[in-house]
Protein backbone atom coordinates (compact mmCIF):
# COMPACT_ATOMS: atom_id res chain seq x y z
CA MET A 1 143.38 94.38 168.77
CA LEU A 2 139.97 93.33 167.35
CA ILE A 3 139.48 91.75 163.97
CA ALA A 4 135.78 91.43 162.67
CA VAL A 5 135.06 89.02 160.19
CA ALA A 6 131.99 89.40 158.21
CA SER A 7 130.30 88.78 154.82
CA PRO A 8 127.14 89.89 152.97
CA LYS A 9 126.15 86.24 152.32
CA GLY A 10 126.37 82.91 153.86
CA GLY A 11 128.43 79.90 152.71
CA VAL A 12 131.60 81.69 151.72
CA GLY A 13 133.93 80.10 154.50
CA LYS A 14 133.71 83.09 156.74
CA THR A 15 133.87 81.09 160.18
CA THR A 16 136.66 78.83 158.66
CA CYS A 17 138.83 82.10 158.09
CA ALA A 18 137.89 83.46 161.41
CA ALA A 19 139.15 80.38 163.18
CA HIS A 20 142.32 80.23 161.30
CA LEU A 21 142.99 84.20 162.16
CA ALA A 22 142.49 82.90 165.64
CA TYR A 23 144.90 79.95 165.55
CA GLY A 24 147.70 81.90 163.45
CA SER A 25 147.35 84.78 166.28
CA ALA A 26 147.96 82.22 169.00
CA ALA A 27 150.71 80.71 167.02
CA ALA A 28 152.45 84.22 166.53
CA GLY A 29 152.65 84.52 170.37
CA TYR A 30 149.24 86.47 170.91
CA ARG A 31 146.69 85.71 173.51
CA ALA A 32 144.06 84.88 170.84
CA VAL A 33 140.48 84.70 171.48
CA ALA A 34 137.81 83.57 169.05
CA VAL A 35 134.21 85.16 169.61
CA ASP A 36 131.21 83.66 167.84
CA LEU A 37 128.31 86.26 167.07
CA ASP A 38 126.93 84.00 164.42
CA PRO A 39 123.77 82.03 165.83
CA GLN A 40 124.84 78.89 163.90
CA ASN A 41 127.28 78.25 166.73
CA SER A 42 129.88 76.46 164.40
CA LEU A 43 132.99 78.49 165.19
CA ARG A 44 133.38 76.01 168.26
CA LEU A 45 133.49 73.07 166.03
CA HIS A 46 137.09 74.14 164.68
CA PHE A 47 138.63 74.27 168.05
CA GLY A 48 137.46 70.64 169.39
CA ILE A 49 134.79 72.07 171.63
CA PRO A 50 132.52 69.05 172.21
CA LEU A 51 129.23 68.80 170.37
CA SER A 52 127.58 68.50 173.94
CA GLU A 53 128.97 71.79 175.19
CA THR A 54 125.76 74.14 175.14
CA GLY A 55 127.30 77.22 177.02
CA GLY A 56 127.91 80.57 175.40
CA LEU A 57 126.87 84.17 174.75
CA SER A 58 123.15 83.35 174.12
CA ARG A 59 123.03 81.87 177.70
CA GLY A 60 123.37 85.10 179.40
CA GLU A 61 123.68 89.03 179.28
CA LEU A 62 126.44 91.17 177.77
CA ALA A 63 127.66 92.39 181.01
CA ALA A 64 131.04 93.74 180.97
CA GLY A 65 133.56 91.38 182.24
CA ASP A 66 131.05 88.62 182.43
CA TRP A 67 132.21 87.20 179.18
CA ARG A 68 135.84 86.13 180.49
CA GLY A 69 134.08 83.65 182.78
CA ARG A 70 132.37 82.06 179.98
CA LEU A 71 135.66 81.38 177.59
CA LEU A 72 136.59 77.83 176.88
CA ALA A 73 139.97 76.45 176.19
CA GLY A 74 140.37 75.36 172.39
CA ALA A 75 142.74 73.54 170.50
CA GLY A 76 145.80 75.65 169.39
CA GLY A 77 145.93 77.53 172.42
CA VAL A 78 142.95 79.60 171.52
CA GLU A 79 140.39 80.66 173.91
CA VAL A 80 136.60 80.39 172.54
CA LEU A 81 133.47 81.88 173.37
CA PRO A 82 130.55 80.04 171.36
CA TYR A 83 127.46 81.51 170.44
CA GLY A 84 125.70 79.01 172.57
CA ALA A 85 122.99 76.78 172.26
CA SER A 86 119.64 78.97 171.91
CA ASP A 87 116.10 79.11 171.04
CA ALA A 88 114.30 81.88 169.38
CA THR A 89 113.77 83.85 172.43
CA ALA A 90 117.29 83.54 173.67
CA ARG A 91 118.57 84.82 170.25
CA ARG A 92 115.94 87.75 170.31
CA GLY A 93 117.10 88.75 173.56
CA LEU A 94 120.89 88.77 172.41
CA HIS A 95 119.80 90.57 169.54
CA ARG A 96 118.27 93.21 171.66
CA SER A 97 121.16 93.48 173.78
CA MET A 98 123.52 94.37 171.15
CA GLU A 99 121.27 97.12 170.13
CA SER A 100 121.78 98.68 173.51
CA PRO A 101 124.55 101.27 173.20
CA GLY A 102 128.12 100.45 174.67
CA ALA A 103 126.82 97.12 175.88
CA LEU A 104 129.01 95.16 173.18
CA SER A 105 132.11 97.35 173.30
CA ALA A 106 131.80 97.04 177.36
CA ALA A 107 131.75 93.41 177.05
CA LEU A 108 134.45 93.02 174.40
CA ARG A 109 136.77 95.68 176.11
CA GLY A 110 136.52 92.88 179.00
CA LEU A 111 138.18 90.20 176.47
CA ALA A 112 141.07 92.35 175.51
CA GLU A 113 142.69 92.86 178.53
CA SER A 114 146.11 93.76 177.01
CA GLU A 115 147.86 94.92 173.69
CA GLU A 116 148.95 91.47 173.23
CA THR A 117 145.68 90.27 172.91
CA VAL A 118 143.88 89.48 169.50
CA VAL A 119 140.04 89.21 169.41
CA VAL A 120 138.53 87.40 166.36
CA VAL A 121 134.96 87.89 166.14
CA ASP A 122 132.91 85.71 163.56
CA LEU A 123 129.82 87.92 162.70
CA PRO A 124 126.71 86.34 161.11
CA PRO A 125 126.15 86.73 157.37
CA GLY A 126 124.39 89.75 156.28
CA PRO A 127 123.09 92.83 157.95
CA SER A 128 122.73 92.44 161.71
CA ALA A 129 122.86 94.24 165.15
CA ALA A 130 126.19 92.63 165.79
CA LEU A 131 127.65 93.80 162.64
CA ASP A 132 126.75 97.29 163.19
CA ALA A 133 127.92 97.30 166.84
CA VAL A 134 131.30 95.21 166.04
CA SER A 135 132.18 97.62 163.13
CA ALA A 136 132.41 100.51 165.26
CA LEU A 137 135.10 98.58 167.47
CA ALA A 138 136.92 96.68 165.04
CA ASP A 139 140.56 97.75 164.30
CA LEU A 140 140.30 95.63 161.09
CA ARG A 141 137.21 94.33 159.12
CA LEU A 142 137.68 91.62 156.87
CA THR A 143 134.90 90.99 154.14
CA ILE A 144 134.99 87.33 152.99
CA LEU A 145 133.65 86.61 149.56
CA LEU A 146 133.99 83.71 146.80
CA ALA A 147 135.36 84.29 143.50
CA ASP A 148 131.98 83.47 142.08
CA SER A 149 129.30 86.07 140.40
CA ALA A 150 127.17 86.42 143.25
CA SER A 151 129.88 87.57 145.47
CA LEU A 152 130.90 89.99 142.55
CA SER A 153 127.41 91.26 142.47
CA LEU A 154 127.90 92.22 146.13
CA LEU A 155 131.00 94.39 145.80
CA PRO A 156 129.26 97.55 145.32
CA ALA A 157 126.99 97.14 148.43
CA VAL A 158 130.01 96.26 150.46
CA GLU A 159 131.83 99.44 149.36
CA LYS A 160 128.67 101.66 149.93
CA GLY A 161 126.27 100.63 152.59
CA TYR A 162 126.92 97.15 154.16
CA TYR A 163 128.97 98.78 157.07
CA PRO A 164 127.35 101.49 159.14
CA PRO A 165 128.17 104.89 158.43
CA TRP A 166 129.68 105.46 162.07
CA VAL A 167 132.58 103.22 161.55
CA PRO A 168 135.74 105.03 162.55
CA ALA A 169 138.18 106.29 160.07
CA SER A 170 140.74 104.43 162.01
CA SER A 171 139.05 100.95 161.14
CA GLN A 172 140.62 99.46 158.37
CA HIS A 173 138.77 97.22 155.68
CA ARG A 174 140.02 94.72 153.54
CA LEU A 175 138.66 91.64 151.04
CA VAL A 176 139.40 88.02 151.17
CA LEU A 177 138.71 85.82 148.30
CA ASN A 178 138.06 82.21 149.47
CA GLN A 179 138.07 79.07 147.60
CA VAL A 180 139.79 80.24 144.61
CA ASP A 181 140.27 77.66 141.75
CA ILE A 182 141.46 79.38 138.43
CA ARG A 183 140.99 75.76 136.92
CA ARG A 184 137.54 77.09 136.31
CA ARG A 185 136.87 80.02 133.95
CA LEU A 186 134.39 82.00 135.94
CA ASN A 187 136.28 81.56 139.15
CA ARG A 188 139.63 82.85 137.25
CA GLU A 189 137.80 85.80 135.70
CA VAL A 190 136.32 87.09 138.93
CA THR A 191 139.65 86.53 140.64
CA GLU A 192 141.19 88.77 137.84
CA PHE A 193 138.40 91.25 137.96
CA VAL A 194 138.98 91.60 141.79
CA GLN A 195 142.50 91.73 141.45
CA ALA A 196 142.57 94.43 138.91
CA GLN A 197 139.64 96.61 140.35
CA TYR A 198 140.42 96.50 143.99
CA PRO A 199 144.37 96.09 144.17
CA ASP A 200 144.59 98.12 147.52
CA SER A 201 141.66 96.20 149.31
CA LEU A 202 142.17 92.60 148.48
CA LEU A 203 144.11 91.14 151.13
CA ALA A 204 144.55 87.65 150.61
CA MET A 205 143.39 84.62 148.46
CA VAL A 206 142.81 81.30 149.85
CA HIS A 207 142.69 78.54 147.36
CA ARG A 208 139.98 75.91 147.23
CA ASP A 209 141.61 72.80 148.80
CA GLU A 210 140.34 69.45 150.35
CA ALA A 211 142.77 69.84 153.12
CA VAL A 212 140.42 72.81 154.75
CA PRO A 213 137.20 70.52 155.09
CA GLU A 214 139.24 67.60 156.44
CA ALA A 215 140.85 69.85 159.09
CA ALA A 216 137.25 71.13 159.96
CA ALA A 217 136.22 67.77 160.24
CA ARG A 218 139.13 66.67 162.75
CA GLN A 219 138.46 69.94 164.68
CA MET A 220 142.05 71.38 164.11
CA SER A 221 144.00 73.90 161.82
CA VAL A 222 144.82 73.28 158.20
CA ALA A 223 148.44 73.75 159.16
CA GLU A 224 148.16 71.21 161.85
CA HIS A 225 146.34 68.69 159.48
CA ALA A 226 148.35 69.41 156.36
CA GLU A 227 151.11 71.61 156.86
CA SER A 228 152.53 71.47 153.26
CA SER A 229 149.10 72.42 151.70
CA ARG A 230 148.42 75.42 149.70
CA ALA A 231 145.54 76.53 151.73
CA ALA A 232 147.69 76.11 154.90
CA ARG A 233 150.20 78.51 153.30
CA ASP A 234 147.37 80.86 152.10
CA MET A 235 145.72 80.88 155.63
CA GLY A 236 149.32 81.61 157.09
CA ILE A 237 149.67 84.75 154.62
CA LEU A 238 146.12 86.04 155.62
CA CYS A 239 146.99 85.76 159.30
CA ARG A 240 150.39 87.37 158.91
CA ARG A 241 148.99 90.38 156.70
CA SER A 242 146.39 90.94 159.07
CA LEU A 243 148.65 91.14 162.21
CA ALA A 244 150.80 93.56 160.24
CA LEU A 245 147.91 95.89 159.19
CA LEU A 246 147.03 96.08 162.97
CA LEU A 247 150.57 96.86 163.92
CA ASN A 248 150.83 99.15 160.84
CA ARG A 249 153.95 97.08 159.53
CA ALA A 250 154.75 95.57 156.44
CA GLU A 251 154.48 91.93 156.18
CA THR A 252 157.77 90.24 156.92
CA SER A 253 159.55 87.83 154.33
CA HIS A 254 161.40 85.87 157.06
CA GLN A 255 159.20 83.40 158.83
CA SER A 256 159.96 81.13 161.66
CA SER A 257 156.91 78.91 161.15
CA LEU A 258 154.13 78.45 158.65
CA TRP A 259 152.19 81.00 160.38
CA GLY A 260 155.15 83.45 160.75
CA PRO A 261 156.99 85.12 163.73
CA ALA A 262 155.40 87.45 166.36
CA LEU A 263 155.45 90.85 164.91
């Protein structure tokens, strides 16, 4: 099962959401693999991967099975494939590889060896070769936005034209509003608008919470850092609903843990 985490703009907390989807999948009993296709190479920092680690996708080719040998053991039982330290030449080479038909699909299939594996792919912001390639493979596409006017202005583009036209009908798409703070008037109004206009597409809302940057600074999940925080609850809801969509089941109301049971 493959979840693509994307956004038409940067700075929306896309990578944080991707990391917590991987954390939650592992906690729910799945083999969880977090793949970073964003040249910022920051997904690894959520899983305790040392700053000195330079390995990753940009250090080699998109060969089938080759990715498995580059996986690193991350916190929370998540296997992590960083983008890797790279220069402009390496980034261009990886970009060209992603444009080759079938290259990315073969590599990702090598990671998802069984139905009990959830692969979470953190995509670069905006249009990219990675977005086009992964969108054609993803079982679930999550678009992360903020509750602000800039994100609101991008919703028409997300509906028509952001994802490539060859996305299969079986690939589900949902919106996630991040850093929701209803104490702020504009934030509240944007949230209410999205809730009213996109009731079937809005999967979850993650409220603004200082526990999130604190957890990131400690390179752990917000559930481990502050289990009773609102953000931990919201991230748990996001993960459970995402897994439920993948399995075509309604979200269970009975939870054995913050993240919920294996669905």
